[in-house]
């Protein structure tokens, strides 16, 4: 994981949720990112599976598990590589 990507605590970053093995993607905003996890903002959190890959930038992905969800926010924990 790129440490610089999460270094600015209050900075909102854009990323892509990879929904399935076909590579279907959903744009999201990453809020409150850390080494352990983050809060993701999406249009409809209900459409996101309980585990997925998050593409931070081309070629750099993290495996995520949902720990909490609301209508538009998803809190995730990053899984070890």
N, C-alpha and C. Protein backbone atom coordinates (compact mmCIF):
# COMPACT_ATOMS: atom_id res chain seq x y z
N UNK A 1 0.85 -1.17 0.00
CA UNK A 1 0.00 0.00 0.00
C UNK A 1 0.90 1.23 0.00
N UNK A 2 0.51 2.23 -0.75
CA UNK A 2 1.27 3.46 -0.79
C UNK A 2 0.97 4.30 0.44
N UNK A 3 1.99 4.49 1.29
CA UNK A 3 1.81 5.29 2.50
C UNK A 3 1.41 6.71 2.17
N UNK A 4 1.99 7.27 1.13
CA UNK A 4 1.67 8.65 0.76
C UNK A 4 0.20 8.80 0.39
N UNK A 5 -0.40 7.74 -0.11
CA UNK A 5 -1.80 7.82 -0.53
C UNK A 5 -2.70 8.13 0.65
N UNK A 6 -2.35 7.62 1.83
CA UNK A 6 -3.17 7.82 3.03
C UNK A 6 -2.59 8.86 3.98
N UNK A 7 -1.50 9.51 3.62
CA UNK A 7 -0.83 10.40 4.57
C UNK A 7 -1.64 11.65 4.93
N UNK A 8 -2.39 12.19 4.01
CA UNK A 8 -3.20 13.39 4.28
C UNK A 8 -4.55 12.95 4.84
N UNK A 9 -4.69 12.98 6.16
CA UNK A 9 -5.88 12.43 6.83
C UNK A 9 -7.20 13.02 6.34
N UNK A 10 -7.25 14.31 6.11
CA UNK A 10 -8.53 14.94 5.76
C UNK A 10 -8.73 15.08 4.26
N UNK A 11 -7.81 14.60 3.49
CA UNK A 11 -7.93 14.71 2.04
C UNK A 11 -8.84 13.60 1.51
N UNK A 12 -9.75 13.98 0.64
CA UNK A 12 -10.65 13.02 -0.01
C UNK A 12 -9.98 12.56 -1.30
N UNK A 13 -9.92 11.27 -1.49
CA UNK A 13 -9.31 10.69 -2.70
C UNK A 13 -10.36 9.92 -3.48
N UNK A 14 -10.16 9.82 -4.76
CA UNK A 14 -11.05 9.02 -5.62
C UNK A 14 -10.41 7.66 -5.85
N UNK A 15 -11.26 6.64 -5.90
CA UNK A 15 -10.80 5.27 -6.14
C UNK A 15 -11.91 4.52 -6.87
N UNK A 16 -11.65 3.25 -7.17
CA UNK A 16 -12.62 2.41 -7.87
C UNK A 16 -12.82 1.12 -7.08
N UNK A 17 -14.08 0.78 -6.80
CA UNK A 17 -14.42 -0.50 -6.20
C UNK A 17 -14.58 -1.49 -7.34
N UNK A 18 -13.86 -2.61 -7.27
CA UNK A 18 -13.98 -3.66 -8.28
C UNK A 18 -15.02 -4.65 -7.75
N UNK A 19 -16.17 -4.66 -8.39
CA UNK A 19 -17.33 -5.40 -7.88
C UNK A 19 -17.30 -6.90 -8.14
N UNK A 20 -16.63 -7.33 -9.21
CA UNK A 20 -16.68 -8.75 -9.56
C UNK A 20 -15.44 -9.14 -10.35
N UNK A 21 -15.35 -10.42 -10.67
CA UNK A 21 -14.19 -10.96 -11.41
C UNK A 21 -14.12 -10.44 -12.84
N UNK A 22 -15.23 -9.91 -13.35
CA UNK A 22 -15.24 -9.34 -14.70
C UNK A 22 -14.64 -7.94 -14.73
N UNK A 23 -14.39 -7.38 -13.55
CA UNK A 23 -13.80 -6.05 -13.48
C UNK A 23 -14.80 -4.92 -13.46
N UNK A 24 -16.07 -5.21 -13.20
CA UNK A 24 -17.08 -4.16 -13.10
C UNK A 24 -16.68 -3.22 -11.98
N UNK A 25 -16.71 -1.92 -12.26
CA UNK A 25 -16.20 -0.94 -11.30
C UNK A 25 -17.27 0.05 -10.88
N UNK A 26 -17.07 0.58 -9.67
CA UNK A 26 -17.94 1.60 -9.11
C UNK A 26 -17.05 2.68 -8.52
N UNK A 27 -17.22 3.91 -8.98
CA UNK A 27 -16.42 5.02 -8.47
C UNK A 27 -16.79 5.30 -7.02
N UNK A 28 -15.80 5.70 -6.23
CA UNK A 28 -16.05 6.06 -4.84
C UNK A 28 -15.07 7.14 -4.40
N UNK A 29 -15.38 7.75 -3.27
CA UNK A 29 -14.47 8.68 -2.61
C UNK A 29 -13.98 8.01 -1.34
N UNK A 30 -12.68 8.13 -1.07
CA UNK A 30 -12.09 7.55 0.13
C UNK A 30 -11.91 8.65 1.17
N UNK A 31 -12.55 8.47 2.33
CA UNK A 31 -12.47 9.40 3.45
C UNK A 31 -11.79 8.69 4.62
N UNK A 32 -11.05 9.42 5.42
CA UNK A 32 -10.46 8.88 6.66
C UNK A 32 -9.67 7.60 6.43
N UNK A 33 -8.84 7.59 5.41
CA UNK A 33 -8.04 6.40 5.12
C UNK A 33 -6.89 6.23 6.10
N UNK A 34 -6.58 4.98 6.43
CA UNK A 34 -5.44 4.65 7.28
C UNK A 34 -4.88 3.31 6.80
N UNK A 35 -3.86 2.82 7.49
CA UNK A 35 -3.32 1.50 7.15
C UNK A 35 -4.34 0.38 7.38
N UNK A 36 -5.24 0.59 8.34
CA UNK A 36 -6.19 -0.46 8.73
C UNK A 36 -7.45 -0.48 7.89
N UNK A 37 -7.91 0.69 7.42
CA UNK A 37 -9.16 0.74 6.69
C UNK A 37 -9.53 2.16 6.30
N UNK A 38 -10.78 2.34 5.87
CA UNK A 38 -11.23 3.65 5.41
C UNK A 38 -12.75 3.68 5.37
N UNK A 39 -13.27 4.88 5.17
CA UNK A 39 -14.68 5.05 4.88
C UNK A 39 -14.80 5.41 3.41
N UNK A 40 -15.65 4.70 2.69
CA UNK A 40 -15.85 4.93 1.26
C UNK A 40 -17.24 5.52 1.06
N UNK A 41 -17.33 6.53 0.23
CA UNK A 41 -18.63 7.13 -0.10
C UNK A 41 -18.98 6.75 -1.53
N UNK A 42 -20.17 6.17 -1.68
CA UNK A 42 -20.67 5.73 -2.99
C UNK A 42 -22.10 6.22 -3.15
N UNK A 43 -22.63 6.12 -4.37
CA UNK A 43 -24.02 6.53 -4.59
C UNK A 43 -25.01 5.63 -3.87
N UNK A 44 -24.77 4.33 -3.90
CA UNK A 44 -25.68 3.37 -3.24
C UNK A 44 -24.85 2.26 -2.62
N UNK A 45 -24.67 2.33 -1.32
CA UNK A 45 -23.85 1.34 -0.62
C UNK A 45 -24.43 -0.07 -0.69
N UNK A 46 -25.74 -0.18 -0.86
CA UNK A 46 -26.38 -1.49 -0.91
C UNK A 46 -25.90 -2.32 -2.09
N UNK A 47 -25.40 -1.67 -3.14
CA UNK A 47 -24.94 -2.37 -4.34
C UNK A 47 -23.55 -2.97 -4.19
N UNK A 48 -22.88 -2.70 -3.08
CA UNK A 48 -21.50 -3.14 -2.89
C UNK A 48 -21.48 -4.44 -2.10
N UNK A 49 -20.75 -5.47 -2.58
CA UNK A 49 -20.69 -6.75 -1.86
C UNK A 49 -19.93 -6.61 -0.53
N UNK A 50 -19.99 -7.64 0.29
CA UNK A 50 -19.36 -7.59 1.62
C UNK A 50 -17.84 -7.68 1.57
N UNK A 51 -17.28 -8.13 0.46
CA UNK A 51 -15.83 -8.09 0.26
C UNK A 51 -15.56 -7.77 -1.21
N UNK A 52 -14.49 -7.03 -1.45
CA UNK A 52 -14.17 -6.58 -2.80
C UNK A 52 -12.74 -6.04 -2.82
N UNK A 53 -12.25 -5.74 -4.01
CA UNK A 53 -10.96 -5.08 -4.16
C UNK A 53 -11.19 -3.61 -4.43
N UNK A 54 -10.32 -2.78 -3.88
CA UNK A 54 -10.37 -1.33 -4.06
C UNK A 54 -9.14 -0.92 -4.83
N UNK A 55 -9.33 -0.32 -6.01
CA UNK A 55 -8.21 0.15 -6.81
C UNK A 55 -7.93 1.60 -6.45
N UNK A 56 -6.78 1.83 -5.81
CA UNK A 56 -6.38 3.18 -5.41
C UNK A 56 -5.88 3.98 -6.59
N UNK A 57 -5.09 3.32 -7.41
CA UNK A 57 -4.57 3.89 -8.66
C UNK A 57 -4.26 2.70 -9.55
N UNK A 58 -4.09 2.91 -10.85
CA UNK A 58 -3.87 1.77 -11.75
C UNK A 58 -2.75 0.85 -11.24
N UNK A 59 -3.07 -0.42 -11.11
CA UNK A 59 -2.09 -1.42 -10.69
C UNK A 59 -1.93 -1.55 -9.19
N UNK A 60 -2.62 -0.75 -8.40
CA UNK A 60 -2.50 -0.84 -6.94
C UNK A 60 -3.88 -1.05 -6.31
N UNK A 61 -4.10 -2.28 -5.81
CA UNK A 61 -5.40 -2.61 -5.21
C UNK A 61 -5.21 -3.12 -3.78
N UNK A 62 -6.27 -2.97 -3.01
CA UNK A 62 -6.34 -3.49 -1.64
C UNK A 62 -7.59 -4.35 -1.52
N UNK A 63 -7.49 -5.48 -0.83
CA UNK A 63 -8.66 -6.30 -0.55
C UNK A 63 -9.37 -5.72 0.67
N UNK A 64 -10.69 -5.58 0.57
CA UNK A 64 -11.48 -4.94 1.62
C UNK A 64 -12.60 -5.84 2.10
N UNK A 65 -12.94 -5.70 3.38
CA UNK A 65 -14.11 -6.34 3.98
C UNK A 65 -14.95 -5.24 4.61
N UNK A 66 -16.25 -5.25 4.30
CA UNK A 66 -17.15 -4.23 4.85
C UNK A 66 -17.40 -4.53 6.33
N UNK A 67 -17.25 -3.51 7.18
CA UNK A 67 -17.53 -3.67 8.60
C UNK A 67 -18.77 -2.89 9.03
N UNK A 68 -19.16 -1.90 8.22
CA UNK A 68 -20.37 -1.12 8.51
C UNK A 68 -20.81 -0.44 7.22
N UNK A 69 -22.12 -0.29 7.05
CA UNK A 69 -22.60 0.43 5.88
C UNK A 69 -23.84 1.25 6.23
N UNK A 70 -23.96 2.39 5.59
CA UNK A 70 -25.17 3.21 5.65
C UNK A 70 -25.65 3.36 4.22
N UNK A 71 -26.54 4.28 3.97
CA UNK A 71 -27.08 4.44 2.63
C UNK A 71 -26.00 4.79 1.60
N UNK A 72 -25.05 5.66 1.97
CA UNK A 72 -24.03 6.08 1.00
C UNK A 72 -22.60 5.87 1.48
N UNK A 73 -22.39 5.46 2.73
CA UNK A 73 -21.04 5.25 3.25
C UNK A 73 -20.81 3.78 3.58
N UNK A 74 -19.57 3.34 3.35
CA UNK A 74 -19.16 1.99 3.69
C UNK A 74 -17.86 2.10 4.47
N UNK A 75 -17.80 1.53 5.65
CA UNK A 75 -16.55 1.44 6.39
C UNK A 75 -15.94 0.08 6.09
N UNK A 76 -14.67 0.09 5.72
CA UNK A 76 -14.00 -1.16 5.34
C UNK A 76 -12.73 -1.36 6.15
N UNK A 77 -12.37 -2.63 6.30
CA UNK A 77 -11.09 -3.02 6.89
C UNK A 77 -10.27 -3.60 5.74
N UNK A 78 -9.01 -3.20 5.65
CA UNK A 78 -8.13 -3.74 4.62
C UNK A 78 -7.59 -5.09 5.09
N UNK A 79 -7.56 -6.05 4.17
CA UNK A 79 -7.08 -7.39 4.46
C UNK A 79 -5.60 -7.50 4.11
N UNK A 80 -4.86 -8.30 4.86
CA UNK A 80 -3.43 -8.46 4.55
C UNK A 80 -3.25 -9.02 3.14
N UNK A 81 -2.17 -8.63 2.52
CA UNK A 81 -1.87 -9.09 1.14
C UNK A 81 -1.46 -10.53 1.13
